[in-house]
Amino acid sequence: MTAVRPNTATPAGVPPSAANGQTQAPMIARQAIVDASHKVVGYELFDRSQASGDHTAATDVSLVFNALSHVGEEDLFGKLFLFVNCTHDSLAGGHLDLVNPERLVLEIPPLDDASPQNVEHRLPILAQLRQRGFRLAFGQYVLEPAYALWRPLATFLKLDLALIANSDLKEVVKTARRSTDAALIAEKVETAEQYDRVSSLGVQLFQGYWFARPTLVKTRMVSPSQAHILQLLKLVRNQASTDEIEEVLKKDAGLAFNLLRLINSAGFGYAREVTSFRQAVMLLGLKKLFRWAALLLTATRADSSPATIGNMAVVRGRLMELLAEQALSPEDADNAFVVGIFSLLDVMLGVPLEQALETLTLPQSVMNVLLRKEGPYAPLLELAEACELGDEVRFNQACQALKLSGQQANWAHLQALAWADQMVNEA
């Protein structure tokens, strides 16, 4: 019996350009994933701000950050799962610390080189994500012998009907069921015949134009004052009372808007809408609040500060944090992030660094490296600067001082770029 085409999977969206003239907002699109009764169980997110083929680790990070922070009044995906495409470089991004892992499904791509060594090398990262509560989705490539180690981690397995011949479909479904415990999703379902064929094989989840085309959702951006962000950062670093932090939020509509938008995004998974600043601060916690405000500062720059400066500061912070995590305490890793992200504060604010730092209360060890390049974080900052300049001599010297190989340093730098690149411009 031929299926009747569903028509209620997703509501029509409104392009950002039509929302109050805010043409600079990120263009986020979603496509529904439905069950056999055509009920929506989740959405896959796409960044329509990027040209076709420009999917990178940086755009993955930017998409999640923007989806959490800048979606408008329309709920992005309600109480459902959010599927996001990833690169392997973006999986270590600190942006994943800002979301409720139980709501996010990370779509894992195949490796360029699926050698046994590379597959095994990536396994601990994927396993850690599962332990943290993230769900992982793989394509049918995971059924290949090379990826056997990854299969137990699969929550969902996507079968691309555009890549599977009709004659092979039954065997692929059979192999998937035998090899994994994952829920099967048939994607790129574009006709009733495809739907009938795959559903007759017992597949229960579907995605494709037969159900709904991707629709744009409204996004909004309200820029807060740099002075108020700095004041918020100072209070958080000093572990100020919730009353004091709430007072700053009340002073700046942009700051308050961005925080409430973030905390009420479905990525946090709260059952009730958070309407008070006090509740938002308490739910987010000081550590996440600081991280969010620091990223917001680099995104909200003065007109004289080029966008690349904010991006560079975020890369520095993340690179230094990643390297510090390998040898220092969690507190030191946090301080290393602070050093990196504030090391260009003078350029961002257009004042001498010493004057810029007067607005913040920072640990003496952080001040020492920022003002005098002294202390345990100085070699980390030196390495970050060497990476930016492409100075091979400085790079090698910094690696030696930190007892790192060039490969370790380059890998950390790549991870930092994946986490930070383009976030500043689009956050």
Protein backbone atom coordinates (compact mmCIF):
# COMPACT_ATOMS: atom_id res chain seq x y z
CA MET A 1 0.00 0.00 0.00
CA THR A 2 1.48 3.32 -1.05
CA ALA A 3 2.18 5.81 1.71
CA VAL A 4 0.34 9.10 1.90
CA ARG A 5 2.75 12.00 1.81
CA PRO A 6 2.94 13.63 5.27
CA ASN A 7 2.58 17.39 5.51
CA THR A 8 3.01 18.27 9.17
CA ALA A 9 6.61 17.36 9.94
CA THR A 10 8.00 20.87 10.27
CA PRO A 11 6.47 24.34 10.32
CA ALA A 12 7.63 26.89 7.78
CA GLY A 13 10.47 29.07 8.95
CA VAL A 14 11.17 32.73 8.38
CA PRO A 15 14.49 33.76 6.82
CA PRO A 16 16.68 35.83 9.14
CA SER A 17 16.69 38.62 6.61
CA ALA A 18 12.97 39.05 7.15
CA ALA A 19 13.18 39.20 10.92
CA ASN A 20 13.20 42.88 11.85
CA GLY A 21 15.80 43.64 9.20
CA GLN A 22 18.54 41.80 11.09
CA THR A 23 20.42 40.55 8.06
CA GLN A 24 23.61 39.66 9.93
CA ALA A 25 22.04 36.90 12.03
CA PRO A 26 23.19 33.35 11.29
CA MET A 27 21.02 31.39 8.85
CA ILE A 28 20.13 28.16 10.63
CA ALA A 29 18.02 25.52 8.89
CA ARG A 30 16.56 22.30 10.24
CA GLN A 31 15.12 19.12 8.78
CA ALA A 32 12.85 16.77 10.69
CA ILE A 33 13.57 13.15 11.56
CA VAL A 34 10.28 11.30 12.00
CA ASP A 35 9.07 7.91 13.16
CA ALA A 36 6.72 5.48 11.40
CA SER A 37 3.67 7.49 12.50
CA HIS A 38 5.26 10.66 11.07
CA LYS A 39 5.82 12.10 14.52
CA VAL A 40 8.91 14.29 14.75
CA VAL A 41 11.57 12.81 17.05
CA GLY A 42 14.42 15.17 16.25
CA TYR A 43 15.90 17.74 13.89
CA GLU A 44 19.13 17.85 11.96
CA LEU A 45 20.65 21.32 11.91
CA PHE A 46 22.38 22.99 8.95
CA ASP A 47 24.25 26.28 8.66
CA ARG A 48 22.85 28.03 5.60
CA SER A 49 25.26 30.94 6.12
CA GLN A 50 28.00 28.77 4.61
CA ALA A 51 28.45 28.14 0.93
CA SER A 52 27.85 24.58 -0.22
CA GLY A 53 30.89 22.43 0.48
CA ASP A 54 32.26 24.71 3.19
CA HIS A 55 31.44 22.32 6.05
CA THR A 56 34.42 22.44 8.44
CA ALA A 57 35.24 21.93 12.09
CA ALA A 58 34.89 25.68 12.56
CA THR A 59 31.40 25.80 11.09
CA ASP A 60 30.35 22.88 13.32
CA VAL A 61 31.37 24.81 16.41
CA SER A 62 29.78 28.00 15.13
CA LEU A 63 26.51 26.24 14.32
CA VAL A 64 26.05 24.85 17.84
CA PHE A 65 27.05 28.12 19.51
CA ASN A 66 24.70 30.14 17.31
CA ALA A 67 21.86 27.66 17.67
CA LEU A 68 22.04 27.91 21.45
CA SER A 69 22.53 31.66 21.67
CA HIS A 70 20.68 33.32 18.82
CA VAL A 71 17.55 31.42 17.90
CA GLY A 72 14.50 33.67 18.00
CA GLU A 73 11.06 33.24 19.53
CA GLU A 74 10.38 30.08 17.55
CA ASP A 75 11.63 27.08 19.51
CA LEU A 76 14.43 25.51 17.51
CA PHE A 77 13.58 21.90 18.22
CA GLY A 78 11.29 21.79 21.24
CA LYS A 79 11.99 18.86 23.54
CA LEU A 80 13.48 16.74 20.77
CA PHE A 81 16.94 15.56 19.75
CA LEU A 82 19.26 17.89 17.88
CA PHE A 83 21.43 16.15 15.27
CA VAL A 84 24.55 18.07 14.25
CA ASN A 85 27.22 17.13 11.76
CA CYS A 86 30.74 17.04 13.15
CA THR A 87 34.28 16.78 11.96
CA HIS A 88 36.67 14.77 14.06
CA ASP A 89 38.54 17.97 14.91
CA SER A 90 35.43 19.64 16.34
CA LEU A 91 34.63 16.76 18.71
CA ALA A 92 37.10 18.05 21.30
CA GLY A 93 35.62 21.57 21.24
CA GLY A 94 34.78 23.30 24.49
CA HIS A 95 31.48 24.45 22.93
CA LEU A 96 30.13 21.01 23.86
CA ASP A 97 30.56 21.95 27.52
CA LEU A 98 27.73 24.48 27.13
CA VAL A 99 25.05 22.00 26.13
CA ASN A 100 23.06 19.26 27.77
CA PRO A 101 24.61 16.12 26.24
CA GLU A 102 21.39 14.17 26.51
CA ARG A 103 19.77 16.41 23.89
CA LEU A 104 22.58 16.40 21.32
CA VAL A 105 23.27 13.71 18.72
CA LEU A 106 26.71 14.04 17.15
CA GLU A 107 26.90 12.77 13.57
CA ILE A 108 30.34 11.23 13.16
CA PRO A 109 31.91 11.20 9.67
CA PRO A 110 34.19 8.51 8.25
CA LEU A 111 37.95 8.99 8.42
CA ASP A 112 39.96 10.03 5.40
CA ASP A 113 42.32 7.21 6.30
CA ALA A 114 40.50 4.30 7.94
CA SER A 115 43.66 2.44 8.88
CA PRO A 116 43.45 0.30 12.04
CA GLN A 117 45.74 2.77 13.82
CA ASN A 118 43.58 5.80 12.98
CA VAL A 119 40.32 4.06 13.88
CA GLU A 120 41.74 2.94 17.21
CA HIS A 121 43.28 6.38 17.86
CA ARG A 122 39.83 8.05 17.59
CA LEU A 123 38.09 5.45 19.73
CA PRO A 124 38.85 7.01 23.20
CA ILE A 125 37.47 10.41 22.09
CA LEU A 126 34.23 8.85 20.88
CA ALA A 127 33.93 6.66 23.97
CA GLN A 128 34.42 9.67 26.24
CA LEU A 129 31.64 11.54 24.46
CA ARG A 130 29.29 8.61 25.05
CA GLN A 131 30.31 8.50 28.71
CA ARG A 132 29.46 12.18 29.01
CA GLY A 133 25.96 11.42 27.75
CA PHE A 134 26.15 12.42 24.08
CA ARG A 135 24.49 10.17 21.55
CA LEU A 136 26.47 9.28 18.43
CA ALA A 137 25.15 8.71 14.92
CA PHE A 138 27.19 7.01 12.20
CA GLY A 139 26.64 6.46 8.50
CA GLN A 140 26.53 3.04 6.87
CA TYR A 141 30.31 3.23 6.51
CA VAL A 142 30.53 1.99 10.12
CA LEU A 143 29.41 -1.42 8.84
CA GLU A 144 32.74 -1.77 7.03
CA PRO A 145 35.21 -4.11 8.78
CA ALA A 146 37.64 -1.26 9.46
CA TYR A 147 35.18 0.45 11.83
CA ALA A 148 34.20 -2.55 13.94
CA LEU A 149 35.57 -0.90 17.12
CA TRP A 150 33.18 2.04 16.72
CA ARG A 151 29.94 0.09 16.30
CA PRO A 152 29.17 -0.49 20.02
CA LEU A 153 29.12 3.32 20.47
CA ALA A 154 26.36 3.91 17.91
CA THR A 155 23.00 5.18 19.14
CA PHE A 156 21.77 5.83 15.61
CA LEU A 157 22.88 4.46 12.24
CA LYS A 158 21.94 6.50 9.18
CA LEU A 159 21.34 4.67 5.91
CA ASP A 160 21.70 7.01 2.93
CA LEU A 161 19.23 5.77 0.31
CA ALA A 162 21.01 7.81 -2.36
CA LEU A 163 24.08 5.61 -1.87
CA ILE A 164 22.46 2.20 -1.44
CA ALA A 165 21.18 0.29 -4.45
CA ASN A 166 17.67 -1.12 -4.11
CA SER A 167 19.05 -4.61 -4.60
CA ASP A 168 21.45 -4.14 -1.67
CA LEU A 169 19.09 -2.46 0.78
CA LYS A 170 17.74 -5.61 2.44
CA GLU A 171 21.23 -6.97 3.09
CA VAL A 172 22.46 -3.60 4.43
CA VAL A 173 19.57 -3.43 6.92
CA LYS A 174 20.18 -7.04 7.94
CA THR A 175 23.90 -6.36 8.48
CA ALA A 176 23.15 -3.22 10.47
CA ARG A 177 20.81 -5.10 12.80
CA ARG A 178 23.28 -7.93 13.25
CA SER A 179 26.29 -5.65 13.84
CA THR A 180 24.88 -2.89 16.07
CA ASP A 181 22.17 -2.11 18.59
CA ALA A 182 21.64 1.29 16.98
CA ALA A 183 18.27 2.66 15.87
CA LEU A 184 18.22 2.81 12.06
CA ILE A 185 17.40 6.06 10.24
CA ALA A 186 16.69 6.01 6.52
CA GLU A 187 17.80 9.37 5.15
CA LYS A 188 17.23 11.03 1.77
CA VAL A 189 13.80 9.44 1.51
CA GLU A 190 12.36 11.31 -1.47
CA THR A 191 9.56 9.12 -2.84
CA ALA A 192 6.68 7.01 -1.58
CA GLU A 193 8.31 3.96 -3.15
CA GLN A 194 11.50 4.49 -1.13
CA TYR A 195 9.49 4.94 2.05
CA ASP A 196 7.45 1.79 1.45
CA ARG A 197 10.53 -0.24 0.63
CA VAL A 198 12.60 0.74 3.64
CA SER A 199 9.72 0.66 6.12
CA SER A 200 8.82 -2.87 4.94
CA LEU A 201 12.28 -3.90 6.12
CA GLY A 202 11.50 -2.69 9.63
CA VAL A 203 13.26 0.68 9.62
CA GLN A 204 11.36 2.98 12.00
CA LEU A 205 12.99 6.41 11.59
CA PHE A 206 13.10 8.52 8.43
CA GLN A 207 14.48 11.77 7.06
CA GLY A 208 14.18 13.35 3.64
CA TYR A 209 12.21 15.52 1.23
CA TRP A 210 9.29 13.05 1.26
CA PHE A 211 8.59 14.26 4.81
CA ALA A 212 9.85 17.83 4.84
CA ARG A 213 12.41 20.04 3.19
CA PRO A 214 14.82 21.94 5.45
CA THR A 215 13.28 25.18 6.74
CA LEU A 216 14.96 28.29 8.03
CA VAL A 217 14.33 29.32 11.62
CA LYS A 218 14.37 32.86 12.96
CA THR A 219 17.56 34.05 14.60
CA ARG A 220 18.24 37.22 16.53
CA MET A 221 21.27 39.10 17.74
CA VAL A 222 21.44 41.83 20.37
CA SER A 223 24.88 43.23 21.11
CA PRO A 224 25.67 43.91 24.77
CA SER A 225 28.05 46.55 26.09
CA GLN A 226 31.70 45.55 26.41
CA ALA A 227 31.90 47.41 29.70
CA HIS A 228 29.06 45.36 31.15
CA ILE A 229 30.60 42.09 29.91
CA LEU A 230 33.86 43.03 31.60
CA GLN A 231 32.00 43.89 34.78
CA LEU A 232 30.25 40.53 34.66
CA LEU A 233 33.57 38.73 34.15
CA LYS A 234 35.08 40.55 37.11
CA LEU A 235 32.18 39.61 39.38
CA VAL A 236 32.26 35.97 38.31
CA ARG A 237 36.02 35.72 38.84
CA ASN A 238 35.55 37.18 42.33
CA GLN A 239 32.72 34.72 43.01
CA ALA A 240 30.37 37.59 43.69
CA SER A 241 26.89 37.03 45.01
CA THR A 242 24.00 36.21 42.71
CA ASP A 243 22.47 39.58 43.63
CA GLU A 244 25.51 41.46 42.33
CA ILE A 245 25.63 39.46 39.10
CA GLU A 246 21.90 39.92 38.61
CA GLU A 247 22.31 43.69 38.96
CA VAL A 248 24.75 43.78 36.01
CA LEU A 249 22.39 41.76 33.85
CA LYS A 250 19.58 44.19 34.60
CA LYS A 251 21.71 47.07 33.32
CA ASP A 252 22.20 45.67 29.83
CA ALA A 253 19.31 44.39 27.72
CA GLY A 254 21.70 42.76 25.24
CA LEU A 255 23.57 40.89 27.93
CA ALA A 256 20.35 39.75 29.59
CA PHE A 257 18.79 38.75 26.27
CA ASN A 258 21.76 36.61 25.25
CA LEU A 259 21.94 34.86 28.61
CA LEU A 260 18.24 34.03 28.81
CA ARG A 261 18.26 32.92 25.18
CA LEU A 262 21.15 30.57 25.92
CA ILE A 263 19.72 29.12 29.12
CA ASN A 264 16.29 28.58 27.54
CA SER A 265 17.62 26.86 24.44
CA ALA A 266 16.55 23.26 24.19
CA GLY A 267 20.20 22.27 24.32
CA PHE A 268 20.05 22.78 28.08
CA GLY A 269 17.04 20.56 28.41
CA TYR A 270 15.23 22.39 31.20
CA ALA A 271 11.57 21.45 31.45
CA ARG A 272 10.45 24.97 32.38
CA GLU A 273 11.35 28.26 30.79
CA VAL A 274 13.84 30.27 32.84
CA THR A 275 12.55 33.82 33.19
CA SER A 276 14.63 35.27 36.02
CA PHE A 277 18.27 36.30 35.86
CA ARG A 278 18.84 34.82 39.30
CA GLN A 279 17.65 31.41 38.20
CA ALA A 280 19.69 31.59 35.00
CA VAL A 281 22.90 32.35 36.94
CA MET A 282 22.27 29.57 39.43
CA LEU A 283 21.48 27.00 36.75
CA LEU A 284 24.42 27.89 34.52
CA GLY A 285 27.00 28.07 37.30
CA LEU A 286 29.93 30.45 37.62
CA LYS A 287 32.38 28.42 35.53
CA LYS A 288 30.11 28.14 32.49
CA LEU A 289 28.94 31.72 32.97
CA PHE A 290 32.53 32.93 32.81
CA ARG A 291 33.29 30.87 29.71
CA TRP A 292 30.20 32.17 27.94
CA ALA A 293 30.86 35.81 28.87
CA ALA A 294 34.49 35.58 27.76
CA LEU A 295 33.45 34.26 24.35
CA LEU A 296 30.76 36.95 24.14
CA LEU A 297 33.37 39.63 24.84
CA THR A 298 35.48 38.56 21.88
CA ALA A 299 32.38 38.57 19.68
CA THR A 300 31.28 42.06 20.83
CA ARG A 301 34.16 44.19 19.68
CA ALA A 302 34.72 47.90 19.28
CA ASP A 303 34.47 49.21 15.72
CA SER A 304 38.23 49.78 15.64
CA SER A 305 38.95 46.17 16.52
CA PRO A 306 38.98 43.80 13.52
CA ALA A 307 36.99 40.61 13.80
CA THR A 308 40.13 38.49 13.49
CA ILE A 309 41.43 39.82 16.82
CA GLY A 310 38.55 38.32 18.75
CA ASN A 311 38.99 35.07 16.87
CA MET A 312 42.71 35.04 17.64
CA ALA A 313 42.06 35.58 21.33
CA VAL A 314 39.67 32.63 21.47
CA VAL A 315 42.17 30.40 19.65
CA ARG A 316 44.90 31.42 22.10
CA GLY A 317 42.72 30.69 25.09
CA ARG A 318 41.63 27.28 23.87
CA LEU A 319 45.14 26.27 22.75
CA MET A 320 46.65 27.22 26.10
CA GLU A 321 43.86 25.44 27.97
CA LEU A 322 44.31 22.24 25.97
CA LEU A 323 48.05 22.16 26.60
CA ALA A 324 47.66 23.03 30.29
CA GLU A 325 45.19 20.19 30.77
CA GLN A 326 47.93 17.72 29.90
CA ALA A 327 50.35 18.75 32.63
CA LEU A 328 48.71 21.15 35.09
CA SER A 329 45.75 21.19 37.48
CA PRO A 330 42.17 21.99 36.35
CA GLU A 331 42.47 25.39 38.02
CA ASP A 332 45.68 26.11 36.11
CA ALA A 333 43.99 25.05 32.87
CA ASP A 334 41.20 27.55 33.56
CA ASN A 335 43.76 30.26 34.23
CA ALA A 336 45.58 29.40 31.02
CA PHE A 337 42.35 29.94 29.11
CA VAL A 338 41.93 33.32 30.83
CA VAL A 339 45.48 34.35 29.88
CA GLY A 340 44.94 33.50 26.24
CA ILE A 341 41.56 35.13 25.81
CA PHE A 342 42.61 38.35 27.60
CA SER A 343 46.08 38.59 26.03
CA LEU A 344 44.64 40.76 23.23
CA LEU A 345 42.27 42.76 25.40
CA ASP A 346 44.24 45.95 24.71
CA VAL A 347 43.63 45.59 20.98
CA MET A 348 39.96 44.69 21.42
CA LEU A 349 39.28 47.67 23.70
CA GLY A 350 41.71 50.11 22.11
CA VAL A 351 43.53 50.94 25.37
CA PRO A 352 46.87 49.85 26.92
CA LEU A 353 46.72 46.33 28.33
CA GLU A 354 47.48 47.48 31.88
CA GLN A 355 44.56 49.89 31.73
CA ALA A 356 42.28 47.23 30.23
CA LEU A 357 43.15 44.78 33.00
CA GLU A 358 42.24 47.31 35.67
CA THR A 359 38.62 46.51 34.96
CA LEU A 360 39.15 42.90 36.04
CA THR A 361 40.37 41.17 39.18
CA LEU A 362 42.59 38.32 38.05
CA PRO A 363 44.97 35.95 39.87
CA GLN A 364 48.49 37.30 40.24
CA SER A 365 49.86 34.43 38.17
CA VAL A 366 47.62 35.53 35.30
CA MET A 367 48.61 39.18 35.67
CA ASN A 368 52.30 38.25 35.72
CA VAL A 369 52.19 36.59 32.33
CA LEU A 370 49.92 39.17 30.73
CA LEU A 371 51.97 42.17 31.85
CA ARG A 372 55.49 40.74 32.21
CA LYS A 373 55.50 37.39 30.38
CA GLU A 374 56.49 35.68 33.62
CA GLY A 375 55.25 32.56 35.38
CA PRO A 376 54.09 29.05 34.50
CA TYR A 377 51.70 30.18 31.76
CA ALA A 378 54.31 32.23 29.89
CA PRO A 379 55.63 29.33 27.76
CA LEU A 380 52.06 28.49 26.76
CA LEU A 381 51.45 32.06 25.60
CA GLU A 382 54.79 32.03 23.78
CA LEU A 383 53.77 28.89 21.90
CA ALA A 384 50.39 30.39 21.00
CA GLU A 385 52.04 33.50 19.59
CA ALA A 386 54.58 31.41 17.67
CA CYS A 387 51.75 29.42 16.08
CA GLU A 388 50.10 32.63 14.91
CA LEU A 389 53.29 34.06 13.43
CA GLY A 390 54.46 30.85 11.82
CA ASP A 391 57.83 31.46 13.49
CA GLU A 392 59.52 28.06 13.33
CA VAL A 393 62.38 29.01 15.65
CA ARG A 394 60.09 30.38 18.38
CA PHE A 395 57.75 27.43 17.88
CA ASN A 396 60.51 24.87 18.38
CA GLN A 397 61.89 26.71 21.41
CA ALA A 398 58.44 26.91 23.01
CA CYS A 399 57.86 23.21 22.38
CA GLN A 400 61.17 22.38 24.01
CA ALA A 401 60.35 24.54 27.05
CA LEU A 402 57.02 22.72 27.42
CA LYS A 403 58.54 19.30 26.63
CA LEU A 404 56.15 18.83 23.74
CA SER A 405 56.72 17.40 20.31
CA GLY A 406 55.88 19.55 17.31
CA GLN A 407 53.17 17.06 16.42
CA GLN A 408 51.50 17.45 19.85
CA ALA A 409 51.57 21.23 19.60
CA ASN A 410 50.23 21.27 16.05
CA TRP A 411 47.41 18.91 16.96
CA ALA A 412 46.39 21.10 19.90
CA HIS A 413 46.51 24.18 17.66
CA LEU A 414 44.29 22.47 15.10
CA GLN A 415 41.78 21.59 17.82
CA ALA A 416 41.81 25.18 19.06
CA LEU A 417 41.22 26.53 15.56
CA ALA A 418 38.35 24.12 15.04
CA TRP A 419 36.75 25.27 18.27
CA ALA A 420 37.19 28.97 17.74
CA ASP A 421 37.46 29.85 14.06
CA GLN A 422 34.44 31.86 12.80
CA MET A 423 32.70 31.68 16.19
CA VAL A 424 33.65 35.27 16.91
CA ASN A 425 32.21 36.57 13.64
CA GLU A 426 28.97 34.62 13.87
CA ALA A 427 28.33 34.41 17.63
